[in-house]
């Protein structure tokens, strides 16, 4: 997949999906896979026009609560079959009117022949443009427009804000289903205080990437990806009150008897299911006893097998 960080003149005709796509959830994927299929059927280059950061966050209208790193977002888009991704700094286009976006960007520069977007898509200066305007303007210029209807799970529309709320509430299993993949944290392993080793439960320590949505504090069944291999784990997200901690930390005990030194290595931890809230114990020994009960609970309920 070709990745472009600026709006550049295209000679090949494009079929393009428009949107922030900040979670690449099942609703986003419906738009993108439909676009790729149309592009293939009509001999067009499939493309996505998106932003490096959500416009609402850039403008300070909502806090950053990212669910995907930029590199993960691009990797997923490529896996869905996208040929070209325009990953643009929102501030470079924020003052372009909706009509100028269609004429100057989509038509004159990107050589767009077909457009796909979601039912709630907004664009142009002060977000005055919507899917109805996009469709009306493009049809006059012989550009096909497909506006995808909302995707529902249960009785609610799937949206990035809904998934963020699920993650923050500990409903990670449902969040993962809507994301079509486990919510994960990839970061460098930092050296801790080795408290876990004293009770036979060594852990790896990670920090949450900047501007990431913060999962509910507590214990999770997890997978740990190291050098492309997957290991079962049990992860605590919280401040480690038993040892007097006060900063948020992601601490994972890898099962499968993994003993290699991981300090300084980049590791991905995937959260599978919430087990219990974080709690303070009188001492590390009592914490160790509870962790063993948590592991037993995870195995008894087949959580790892359900996520393979």
C-alpha atoms as a PDB file:
ATOM      1  CA  UNK A   1       0.000   0.000   0.000  1.00  0.00           C
ATOM      2  CA  UNK A   2       1.309   3.431  -0.935  1.00  0.00           C
ATOM      3  CA  UNK A   3       1.139   5.926   1.937  1.00  0.00           C
ATOM      4  CA  UNK A   4       0.985   9.647   1.153  1.00  0.00           C
ATOM      5  CA  UNK A   5       1.033  12.337   3.845  1.00  0.00           C
ATOM      6  CA  UNK A   6      -0.030  15.151   1.553  1.00  0.00           C
ATOM      7  CA  UNK A   7      -2.602  15.655  -1.178  1.00  0.00           C
ATOM      8  CA  UNK A   8      -0.763  14.791  -4.386  1.00  0.00           C
ATOM      9  CA  UNK A   9      -1.885  14.790  -8.006  1.00  0.00           C
ATOM     10  CA  UNK A  10      -3.070  11.339  -9.150  1.00  0.00           C
ATOM     11  CA  UNK A  11      -3.072  10.183 -12.745  1.00  0.00           C
ATOM     12  CA  UNK A  12      -4.809   6.871 -12.111  1.00  0.00           C
ATOM     13  CA  UNK A  13      -8.563   7.158 -11.459  1.00  0.00           C
ATOM     14  CA  UNK A  14      -9.440   6.541  -7.807  1.00  0.00           C
ATOM     15  CA  UNK A  15     -12.275   4.956  -5.910  1.00  0.00           C
ATOM     16  CA  UNK A  16     -11.920   6.564  -2.496  1.00  0.00           C
ATOM     17  CA  UNK A  17     -13.302   6.017   1.013  1.00  0.00           C
ATOM     18  CA  UNK A  18     -13.582   9.147   3.145  1.00  0.00           C
ATOM     19  CA  UNK A  19     -13.474   9.172   6.930  1.00  0.00           C
ATOM     20  CA  UNK A  20     -11.425   9.447  10.084  1.00  0.00           C
ATOM     21  CA  UNK A  21     -11.548   5.651  10.594  1.00  0.00           C
ATOM     22  CA  UNK A  22     -10.023   6.062  14.050  1.00  0.00           C
ATOM     23  CA  UNK A  23     -11.045   2.619  15.278  1.00  0.00           C
ATOM     24  CA  UNK A  24     -11.382   0.662  12.032  1.00  0.00           C
ATOM     25  CA  UNK A  25     -14.339  -1.110  13.598  1.00  0.00           C
ATOM     26  CA  UNK A  26     -16.889  -3.246  11.762  1.00  0.00           C
ATOM     27  CA  UNK A  27     -18.726  -0.175  10.461  1.00  0.00           C
ATOM     28  CA  UNK A  28     -15.523   1.330   9.071  1.00  0.00           C
ATOM     29  CA  UNK A  29     -14.522  -1.986   7.547  1.00  0.00           C
ATOM     30  CA  UNK A  30     -17.852  -2.279   5.769  1.00  0.00           C
ATOM     31  CA  UNK A  31     -17.170   1.053   4.039  1.00  0.00           C
ATOM     32  CA  UNK A  32     -13.600   0.157   3.111  1.00  0.00           C
ATOM     33  CA  UNK A  33     -14.218  -3.398   1.909  1.00  0.00           C
ATOM     34  CA  UNK A  34     -17.199  -2.225  -0.162  1.00  0.00           C
ATOM     35  CA  UNK A  35     -14.993   0.464  -1.694  1.00  0.00           C
ATOM     36  CA  UNK A  36     -12.216  -2.021  -2.500  1.00  0.00           C
ATOM     37  CA  UNK A  37     -14.698  -4.386  -4.133  1.00  0.00           C
ATOM     38  CA  UNK A  38     -16.160  -1.586  -6.254  1.00  0.00           C
ATOM     39  CA  UNK A  39     -12.664  -0.437  -7.256  1.00  0.00           C
ATOM     40  CA  UNK A  40     -11.724  -3.920  -8.385  1.00  0.00           C
ATOM     41  CA  UNK A  41     -14.962  -4.403 -10.312  1.00  0.00           C
ATOM     42  CA  UNK A  42     -14.542  -1.066 -12.098  1.00  0.00           C
ATOM     43  CA  UNK A  43     -10.782  -1.124 -12.731  1.00  0.00           C
ATOM     44  CA  UNK A  44     -10.086   1.754 -10.317  1.00  0.00           C
ATOM     45  CA  UNK A  45      -7.361   2.264  -7.727  1.00  0.00           C
ATOM     46  CA  UNK A  46      -8.709   1.800  -4.207  1.00  0.00           C
ATOM     47  CA  UNK A  47      -7.861   4.633  -1.817  1.00  0.00           C
ATOM     48  CA  UNK A  48      -8.611   5.962   1.649  1.00  0.00           C
ATOM     49  CA  UNK A  49      -8.538   9.640   2.580  1.00  0.00           C
ATOM     50  CA  UNK A  50      -8.099   9.935   6.327  1.00  0.00           C
ATOM     51  CA  UNK A  51      -6.289  11.909   9.005  1.00  0.00           C
ATOM     52  CA  UNK A  52      -3.303  11.246  11.201  1.00  0.00           C
ATOM     53  CA  UNK A  53      -5.338  12.419  14.216  1.00  0.00           C
ATOM     54  CA  UNK A  54      -9.111  12.819  14.743  1.00  0.00           C
ATOM     55  CA  UNK A  55     -10.240  16.339  13.795  1.00  0.00           C
ATOM     56  CA  UNK A  56     -12.317  16.776  16.960  1.00  0.00           C
ATOM     57  CA  UNK A  57      -9.259  16.053  19.083  1.00  0.00           C
ATOM     58  CA  UNK A  58      -7.002  18.322  17.031  1.00  0.00           C
ATOM     59  CA  UNK A  59      -9.484  21.166  17.517  1.00  0.00           C
ATOM     60  CA  UNK A  60      -9.751  20.476  21.250  1.00  0.00           C
ATOM     61  CA  UNK A  61     -13.424  19.528  21.088  1.00  0.00           C
ATOM     62  CA  UNK A  62     -12.777  16.120  22.620  1.00  0.00           C
ATOM     63  CA  UNK A  63      -9.771  14.505  24.336  1.00  0.00           C
ATOM     64  CA  UNK A  64      -7.476  12.148  22.472  1.00  0.00           C
ATOM     65  CA  UNK A  65      -8.688   8.618  23.206  1.00  0.00           C
ATOM     66  CA  UNK A  66      -6.969   6.605  20.508  1.00  0.00           C
ATOM     67  CA  UNK A  67      -7.631   2.893  20.056  1.00  0.00           C
ATOM     68  CA  UNK A  68      -5.032   2.284  17.362  1.00  0.00           C
ATOM     69  CA  UNK A  69      -1.562   3.624  16.767  1.00  0.00           C
ATOM     70  CA  UNK A  70      -1.006   5.182  13.366  1.00  0.00           C
ATOM     71  CA  UNK A  71       1.170   2.240  12.308  1.00  0.00           C
ATOM     72  CA  UNK A  72      -1.540  -0.253  13.315  1.00  0.00           C
ATOM     73  CA  UNK A  73      -4.167   1.752  11.447  1.00  0.00           C
ATOM     74  CA  UNK A  74      -2.101   1.688   8.265  1.00  0.00           C
ATOM     75  CA  UNK A  75      -1.388  -2.030   8.657  1.00  0.00           C
ATOM     76  CA  UNK A  76      -5.098  -2.817   8.927  1.00  0.00           C
ATOM     77  CA  UNK A  77      -5.932  -0.682   5.887  1.00  0.00           C
ATOM     78  CA  UNK A  78      -3.326  -2.544   3.879  1.00  0.00           C
ATOM     79  CA  UNK A  79      -4.704  -5.896   5.040  1.00  0.00           C
ATOM     80  CA  UNK A  80      -8.151  -4.846   3.794  1.00  0.00           C
ATOM     81  CA  UNK A  81      -6.773  -4.391   0.280  1.00  0.00           C
ATOM     82  CA  UNK A  82      -6.357  -0.604   0.056  1.00  0.00           C
ATOM     83  CA  UNK A  83      -3.927   0.483  -2.692  1.00  0.00           C
ATOM     84  CA  UNK A  84      -3.283   4.074  -1.579  1.00  0.00           C
ATOM     85  CA  UNK A  85      -3.770   5.791   1.771  1.00  0.00           C
ATOM     86  CA  UNK A  86      -3.778   9.572   2.064  1.00  0.00           C
ATOM     87  CA  UNK A  87      -2.989  10.068   5.751  1.00  0.00           C
ATOM     88  CA  UNK A  88      -3.250  13.817   6.105  1.00  0.00           C
ATOM     89  CA  UNK A  89      -2.635  16.354   8.876  1.00  0.00           C
ATOM     90  CA  UNK A  90      -6.122  17.753   9.430  1.00  0.00           C
ATOM     91  CA  UNK A  91      -4.830  21.300   9.985  1.00  0.00           C
ATOM     92  CA  UNK A  92      -3.628  21.446   6.373  1.00  0.00           C
ATOM     93  CA  UNK A  93      -7.198  21.114   5.052  1.00  0.00           C
ATOM     94  CA  UNK A  94      -9.341  22.459   7.903  1.00  0.00           C
ATOM     95  CA  UNK A  95     -10.201  25.738   6.111  1.00  0.00           C
ATOM     96  CA  UNK A  96     -11.210  24.196   2.782  1.00  0.00           C
ATOM     97  CA  UNK A  97     -14.945  24.508   2.203  1.00  0.00           C
ATOM     98  CA  UNK A  98     -16.997  21.411   1.476  1.00  0.00           C
ATOM     99  CA  UNK A  99     -17.523  22.481  -2.137  1.00  0.00           C
ATOM    100  CA  UNK A 100     -13.829  23.208  -2.653  1.00  0.00           C
ATOM    101  CA  UNK A 101     -12.915  19.864  -1.097  1.00  0.00           C
ATOM    102  CA  UNK A 102     -15.002  18.138  -3.747  1.00  0.00           C
ATOM    103  CA  UNK A 103     -13.790  20.273  -6.659  1.00  0.00           C
ATOM    104  CA  UNK A 104     -10.155  20.945  -5.769  1.00  0.00           C
ATOM    105  CA  UNK A 105      -9.229  17.846  -3.801  1.00  0.00           C
ATOM    106  CA  UNK A 106     -11.412  14.968  -4.963  1.00  0.00           C
ATOM    107  CA  UNK A 107     -11.818  15.897  -8.618  1.00  0.00           C
ATOM    108  CA  UNK A 108      -8.941  18.131  -9.752  1.00  0.00           C
ATOM    109  CA  UNK A 109      -6.166  16.571  -7.660  1.00  0.00           C
ATOM    110  CA  UNK A 110      -7.149  13.015  -6.747  1.00  0.00           C
ATOM    111  CA  UNK A 111      -8.912  12.139 -10.013  1.00  0.00           C
ATOM    112  CA  UNK A 112     -11.797  10.574  -8.098  1.00  0.00           C
ATOM    113  CA  UNK A 113     -14.404   8.547  -9.974  1.00  0.00           C
ATOM    114  CA  UNK A 114     -16.280   7.016  -7.041  1.00  0.00           C
ATOM    115  CA  UNK A 115     -16.680   7.928  -3.365  1.00  0.00           C
ATOM    116  CA  UNK A 116     -17.667   5.883  -0.336  1.00  0.00           C
ATOM    117  CA  UNK A 117     -18.480   7.256   3.111  1.00  0.00           C
ATOM    118  CA  UNK A 118     -20.522   6.576   6.213  1.00  0.00           C
ATOM    119  CA  UNK A 119     -24.032   7.875   6.856  1.00  0.00           C
ATOM    120  CA  UNK A 120     -22.717  10.399   9.412  1.00  0.00           C
ATOM    121  CA  UNK A 121     -19.725  11.655   7.423  1.00  0.00           C
ATOM    122  CA  UNK A 122     -18.956  15.367   7.829  1.00  0.00           C
ATOM    123  CA  UNK A 123     -16.372  17.374   5.909  1.00  0.00           C
ATOM    124  CA  UNK A 124     -15.280  20.843   4.878  1.00  0.00           C
ATOM    125  CA  UNK A 125     -14.708  24.002   6.895  1.00  0.00           C
ATOM    126  CA  UNK A 126     -16.578  23.900  10.221  1.00  0.00           C
ATOM    127  CA  UNK A 127     -17.869  20.458   9.093  1.00  0.00           C
ATOM    128  CA  UNK A 128     -20.691  22.046   7.102  1.00  0.00           C
ATOM    129  CA  UNK A 129     -20.620  19.308   4.474  1.00  0.00           C
ATOM    130  CA  UNK A 130     -22.451  16.025   5.023  1.00  0.00           C
ATOM    131  CA  UNK A 131     -23.117  12.834   3.082  1.00  0.00           C
ATOM    132  CA  UNK A 132     -26.221  14.350   1.422  1.00  0.00           C
ATOM    133  CA  UNK A 133     -24.235  17.328   0.096  1.00  0.00           C
ATOM    134  CA  UNK A 134     -21.420  15.046  -1.031  1.00  0.00           C
ATOM    135  CA  UNK A 135     -23.856  12.881  -2.952  1.00  0.00           C
ATOM    136  CA  UNK A 136     -25.708  15.775  -4.536  1.00  0.00           C
ATOM    137  CA  UNK A 137     -22.524  17.566  -5.686  1.00  0.00           C
ATOM    138  CA  UNK A 138     -20.737  14.462  -6.928  1.00  0.00           C
ATOM    139  CA  UNK A 139     -23.691  13.122  -8.913  1.00  0.00           C
ATOM    140  CA  UNK A 140     -23.764  16.392 -10.866  1.00  0.00           C
ATOM    141  CA  UNK A 141     -20.110  15.761 -11.758  1.00  0.00           C
ATOM    142  CA  UNK A 142     -20.641  12.131 -12.805  1.00  0.00           C
ATOM    143  CA  UNK A 143     -18.959  10.698  -9.700  1.00  0.00           C
ATOM    144  CA  UNK A 144     -20.613   7.681  -8.123  1.00  0.00           C
ATOM    145  CA  UNK A 145     -21.310   8.027  -4.398  1.00  0.00           C
ATOM    146  CA  UNK A 146     -22.149   5.209  -1.990  1.00  0.00           C
ATOM    147  CA  UNK A 147     -23.292   6.201   1.501  1.00  0.00           C
ATOM    148  CA  UNK A 148     -23.084   3.180   3.799  1.00  0.00           C
ATOM    149  CA  UNK A 149     -25.828   2.689   6.360  1.00  0.00           C
ATOM    150  CA  UNK A 150     -24.950   2.248  10.053  1.00  0.00           C
ATOM    151  CA  UNK A 151     -23.903  -1.146  11.372  1.00  0.00           C
ATOM    152  CA  UNK A 152     -25.619  -2.175  14.586  1.00  0.00           C
ATOM    153  CA  UNK A 153     -24.626  -4.526  17.375  1.00  0.00           C
ATOM    154  CA  UNK A 154     -27.504  -5.309  19.665  1.00  0.00           C
ATOM    155  CA  UNK A 155     -29.842  -2.351  19.422  1.00  0.00           C
ATOM    156  CA  UNK A 156     -27.137   0.311  19.131  1.00  0.00           C
ATOM    157  CA  UNK A 157     -25.098   1.721  16.268  1.00  0.00           C
ATOM    158  CA  UNK A 158     -21.436   0.739  16.247  1.00  0.00           C
ATOM    159  CA  UNK A 159     -19.256   3.828  16.659  1.00  0.00           C
ATOM    160  CA  UNK A 160     -15.770   4.693  17.855  1.00  0.00           C
ATOM    161  CA  UNK A 161     -17.148   6.565  20.871  1.00  0.00           C
ATOM    162  CA  UNK A 162     -19.233   3.537  21.866  1.00  0.00           C
ATOM    163  CA  UNK A 163     -16.178   1.273  21.660  1.00  0.00           C
ATOM    164  CA  UNK A 164     -14.090   3.694  23.710  1.00  0.00           C
ATOM    165  CA  UNK A 165     -16.763   3.636  26.401  1.00  0.00           C
ATOM    166  CA  UNK A 166     -16.791  -0.169  26.337  1.00  0.00           C
ATOM    167  CA  UNK A 167     -13.008  -0.259  26.841  1.00  0.00           C
ATOM    168  CA  UNK A 168     -13.165   2.243  29.682  1.00  0.00           C
ATOM    169  CA  UNK A 169     -15.925   0.207  31.351  1.00  0.00           C
ATOM    170  CA  UNK A 170     -14.029  -3.077  31.061  1.00  0.00           C
ATOM    171  CA  UNK A 171     -16.349  -4.569  28.422  1.00  0.00           C
ATOM    172  CA  UNK A 172     -13.280  -5.578  26.461  1.00  0.00           C
ATOM    173  CA  UNK A 173     -14.746  -8.748  24.962  1.00  0.00           C
ATOM    174  CA  UNK A 174     -17.515  -6.801  23.201  1.00  0.00           C
ATOM    175  CA  UNK A 175     -15.110  -4.012  22.253  1.00  0.00           C
ATOM    176  CA  UNK A 176     -12.831  -6.558  20.592  1.00  0.00           C
ATOM    177  CA  UNK A 177     -15.742  -8.014  18.660  1.00  0.00           C
ATOM    178  CA  UNK A 178     -16.657  -4.576  17.317  1.00  0.00           C
ATOM    179  CA  UNK A 179     -13.006  -3.775  16.545  1.00  0.00           C
ATOM    180  CA  UNK A 180     -12.611  -7.130  14.743  1.00  0.00           C
ATOM    181  CA  UNK A 181      -9.388  -7.646  16.710  1.00  0.00           C
ATOM    182  CA  UNK A 182      -8.177  -7.477  20.312  1.00  0.00           C
ATOM    183  CA  UNK A 183      -7.566  -4.048  21.791  1.00  0.00           C
ATOM    184  CA  UNK A 184      -3.827  -4.000  22.342  1.00  0.00           C
ATOM    185  CA  UNK A 185      -0.932  -2.007  23.712  1.00  0.00           C
ATOM    186  CA  UNK A 186       2.465  -2.157  22.047  1.00  0.00           C
ATOM    187  CA  UNK A 187       5.328  -0.533  23.916  1.00  0.00           C
ATOM    188  CA  UNK A 188       8.860  -1.058  25.159  1.00  0.00           C
ATOM    189  CA  UNK A 189       9.314  -3.204  28.256  1.00  0.00           C
ATOM    190  CA  UNK A 190      10.626  -1.129  31.133  1.00  0.00           C
ATOM    191  CA  UNK A 191      12.382  -2.429  34.213  1.00  0.00           C
ATOM    192  CA  UNK A 192      10.208  -2.606  37.316  1.00  0.00           C
ATOM    193  CA  UNK A 193      10.892  -3.251  40.989  1.00  0.00           C
ATOM    194  CA  UNK A 194      10.905  -7.057  40.608  1.00  0.00           C
ATOM    195  CA  UNK A 195       8.231  -7.439  43.296  1.00  0.00           C
ATOM    196  CA  UNK A 196       6.536 -10.241  41.378  1.00  0.00           C
ATOM    197  CA  UNK A 197       9.672 -12.342  41.276  1.00  0.00           C
ATOM    198  CA  UNK A 198       9.786 -12.510  45.076  1.00  0.00           C
ATOM    199  CA  UNK A 199       6.516 -14.498  45.085  1.00  0.00           C
ATOM    200  CA  UNK A 200       7.141 -16.527  41.933  1.00  0.00           C
ATOM    201  CA  UNK A 201       5.089 -14.362  39.558  1.00  0.00           C
ATOM    202  CA  UNK A 202       7.522 -12.291  37.447  1.00  0.00           C
ATOM    203  CA  UNK A 203       5.955  -9.607  35.299  1.00  0.00           C
ATOM    204  CA  UNK A 204       6.792  -7.332  32.390  1.00  0.00           C
ATOM    205  CA  UNK A 205       5.990  -3.641  32.670  1.00  0.00           C
ATOM    206  CA  UNK A 206       4.593  -1.421  29.935  1.00  0.00           C
ATOM    207  CA  UNK A 207       3.189   2.079  29.756  1.00  0.00           C
ATOM    208  CA  UNK A 208       0.090   3.156  27.872  1.00  0.00           C
ATOM    209  CA  UNK A 209       0.953   5.088  24.682  1.00  0.00           C
ATOM    210  CA  UNK A 210       0.244   8.820  24.800  1.00  0.00           C
ATOM    211  CA  UNK A 211      -3.361   9.813  24.086  1.00  0.00           C
ATOM    212  CA  UNK A 212      -4.615   6.217  24.242  1.00  0.00           C
ATOM    213  CA  UNK A 213      -7.994   5.313  25.690  1.00  0.00           C
ATOM    214  CA  UNK A 214      -7.473   4.011  29.244  1.00  0.00           C
ATOM    215  CA  UNK A 215      -9.015   0.599  29.956  1.00  0.00           C
ATOM    216  CA  UNK A 216     -10.808   0.003  33.231  1.00  0.00           C
ATOM    217  CA  UNK A 217      -8.353  -0.646  36.044  1.00  0.00           C
ATOM    218  CA  UNK A 218      -8.184  -4.314  36.869  1.00  0.00           C
ATOM    219  CA  UNK A 219      -7.068  -7.772  35.829  1.00  0.00           C
ATOM    220  CA  UNK A 220      -7.453  -9.139  32.299  1.00  0.00           C
ATOM    221  CA  UNK A 221      -6.814 -12.373  30.490  1.00  0.00           C
ATOM    222  CA  UNK A 222      -4.341 -11.471  27.748  1.00  0.00           C
ATOM    223  CA  UNK A 223      -2.129 -12.626  24.926  1.00  0.00           C
ATOM    224  CA  UNK A 224       1.441 -11.350  24.706  1.00  0.00           C
ATOM    225  CA  UNK A 225       3.059 -11.153  21.263  1.00  0.00           C
ATOM    226  CA  UNK A 226       6.858 -11.482  21.356  1.00  0.00           C
ATOM    227  CA  UNK A 227       8.828 -11.724  18.092  1.00  0.00           C
ATOM    228  CA  UNK A 228       5.691 -12.843  16.282  1.00  0.00           C
ATOM    229  CA  UNK A 229       4.886 -15.620  18.772  1.00  0.00           C
ATOM    230  CA  UNK A 230       1.839 -15.538  21.020  1.00  0.00           C
ATOM    231  CA  UNK A 231       1.903 -16.390  24.723  1.00  0.00           C
ATOM    232  CA  UNK A 232      -0.885 -16.565  27.275  1.00  0.00           C
ATOM    233  CA  UNK A 233      -0.761 -13.933  29.972  1.00  0.00           C
ATOM    234  CA  UNK A 234      -2.594 -12.263  32.828  1.00  0.00           C
ATOM    235  CA  UNK A 235      -2.433  -8.477  32.874  1.00  0.00           C
ATOM    236  CA  UNK A 236      -3.099  -5.898  35.556  1.00  0.00           C
ATOM    237  CA  UNK A 237      -3.815  -2.318  34.534  1.00  0.00           C
ATOM    238  CA  UNK A 238      -3.632   0.102  37.427  1.00  0.00           C
ATOM    239  CA  UNK A 239      -1.469   1.782  40.016  1.00  0.00           C
ATOM    240  CA  UNK A 240      -0.320  -1.333  41.972  1.00  0.00           C
ATOM    241  CA  UNK A 241      -1.793  -0.265  45.341  1.00  0.00           C
ATOM    242  CA  UNK A 242      -0.382  -3.309  47.155  1.00  0.00           C
ATOM    243  CA  UNK A 243       3.156  -1.956  46.702  1.00  0.00           C
ATOM    244  CA  UNK A 244       2.259   1.706  47.116  1.00  0.00           C
ATOM    245  CA  UNK A 245       2.220   2.618  43.439  1.00  0.00           C
ATOM    246  CA  UNK A 246       0.571   5.818  42.189  1.00  0.00           C
ATOM    247  CA  UNK A 247       1.116   5.871  38.429  1.00  0.00           C
ATOM    248  CA  UNK A 248      -0.781   3.888  35.811  1.00  0.00           C
ATOM    249  CA  UNK A 249       1.089   0.787  34.715  1.00  0.00           C
ATOM    250  CA  UNK A 250       0.439  -2.271  32.580  1.00  0.00           C
ATOM    251  CA  UNK A 251       1.917  -5.302  34.286  1.00  0.00           C
ATOM    252  CA  UNK A 252       1.715  -8.761  32.718  1.00  0.00           C
ATOM    253  CA  UNK A 253       2.679 -12.183  33.990  1.00  0.00           C
ATOM    254  CA  UNK A 254       3.461 -14.410  31.009  1.00  0.00           C
ATOM    255  CA  UNK A 255       2.397 -17.999  31.413  1.00  0.00           C
ATOM    256  CA  UNK A 256       3.950 -20.827  29.355  1.00  0.00           C
ATOM    257  CA  UNK A 257       7.142 -20.597  31.499  1.00  0.00           C
ATOM    258  CA  UNK A 258       8.622 -17.712  29.516  1.00  0.00           C
ATOM    259  CA  UNK A 259      11.906 -16.669  31.126  1.00  0.00           C
ATOM    260  CA  UNK A 260      13.851 -14.609  28.549  1.00  0.00           C
ATOM    261  CA  UNK A 261      14.980 -11.091  29.394  1.00  0.00           C
ATOM    262  CA  UNK A 262      12.643  -8.653  27.635  1.00  0.00           C
ATOM    263  CA  UNK A 263      13.914  -5.319  28.948  1.00  0.00           C
ATOM    264  CA  UNK A 264      14.134  -2.800  26.123  1.00  0.00           C
ATOM    265  CA  UNK A 265      12.170  -5.027  23.754  1.00  0.00           C
ATOM    266  CA  UNK A 266       8.932  -3.917  22.088  1.00  0.00           C
ATOM    267  CA  UNK A 267       6.069  -6.233  23.017  1.00  0.00           C
ATOM    268  CA  UNK A 268       2.350  -6.223  22.193  1.00  0.00           C
ATOM    269  CA  UNK A 269      -0.184  -7.105  24.899  1.00  0.00           C
ATOM    270  CA  UNK A 270      -3.700  -7.955  23.722  1.00  0.00           C
ATOM    271  CA  UNK A 271      -6.541  -7.699  26.246  1.00  0.00           C
ATOM    272  CA  UNK A 272      -9.064 -10.520  25.934  1.00  0.00           C
ATOM    273  CA  UNK A 273     -11.493 -10.352  28.846  1.00  0.00           C
ATOM    274  CA  UNK A 274     -11.908  -8.442  32.086  1.00  0.00           C
ATOM    275  CA  UNK A 275     -11.533 -10.674  35.164  1.00  0.00           C
ATOM    276  CA  UNK A 276     -11.839  -8.394  38.214  1.00  0.00           C
ATOM    277  CA  UNK A 277     -11.174  -4.892  39.490  1.00  0.00           C
ATOM    278  CA  UNK A 278      -7.773  -3.931  40.807  1.00  0.00           C
ATOM    279  CA  UNK A 279      -7.598  -4.214  44.583  1.00  0.00           C
ATOM    280  CA  UNK A 280      -5.140  -3.656  47.393  1.00  0.00           C
ATOM    281  CA  UNK A 281      -3.828  -6.658  49.359  1.00  0.00           C
ATOM    282  CA  UNK A 282      -2.126  -6.656  52.748  1.00  0.00           C
ATOM    283  CA  UNK A 283       1.032  -8.171  51.294  1.00  0.00           C
ATOM    284  CA  UNK A 284       2.508  -9.650  48.117  1.00  0.00           C
ATOM    285  CA  UNK A 285       1.849 -13.207  49.252  1.00  0.00           C
ATOM    286  CA  UNK A 286      -1.906 -12.599  49.400  1.00  0.00           C
ATOM    287  CA  UNK A 287      -1.722 -10.904  46.017  1.00  0.00           C
ATOM    288  CA  UNK A 288       0.074 -13.967  44.651  1.00  0.00           C
ATOM    289  CA  UNK A 289      -2.662 -16.261  45.961  1.00  0.00           C
ATOM    290  CA  UNK A 290      -5.332 -14.142  44.237  1.00  0.00           C
ATOM    291  CA  UNK A 291      -3.442 -14.072  40.933  1.00  0.00           C
ATOM    292  CA  UNK A 292      -3.274 -17.863  40.947  1.00  0.00           C
ATOM    293  CA  UNK A 293      -7.036 -17.926  41.507  1.00  0.00           C
ATOM    294  CA  UNK A 294      -7.455 -15.496  38.603  1.00  0.00           C
ATOM    295  CA  UNK A 295      -5.392 -17.753  36.330  1.00  0.00           C
ATOM    296  CA  UNK A 296      -7.456 -20.750  37.392  1.00  0.00           C
ATOM    297  CA  UNK A 297     -10.643 -18.813  36.625  1.00  0.00           C
ATOM    298  CA  UNK A 298      -9.361 -17.911  33.143  1.00  0.00           C
ATOM    299  CA  UNK A 299      -8.502 -21.521  32.305  1.00  0.00           C
ATOM    300  CA  UNK A 300     -11.724 -22.902  33.804  1.00  0.00           C
ATOM    301  CA  UNK A 301     -13.723 -20.564  31.561  1.00  0.00           C
ATOM    302  CA  UNK A 302     -11.693 -21.360  28.428  1.00  0.00           C
ATOM    303  CA  UNK A 303     -10.980 -17.705  27.707  1.00  0.00           C
ATOM    304  CA  UNK A 304      -7.702 -18.335  25.843  1.00  0.00           C
ATOM    305  CA  UNK A 305      -9.289 -21.044  23.682  1.00  0.00           C
ATOM    306  CA  UNK A 306     -12.234 -18.777  22.851  1.00  0.00           C
ATOM    307  CA  UNK A 307      -9.840 -16.174  21.461  1.00  0.00           C
ATOM    308  CA  UNK A 308      -7.578 -18.395  19.347  1.00  0.00           C
END
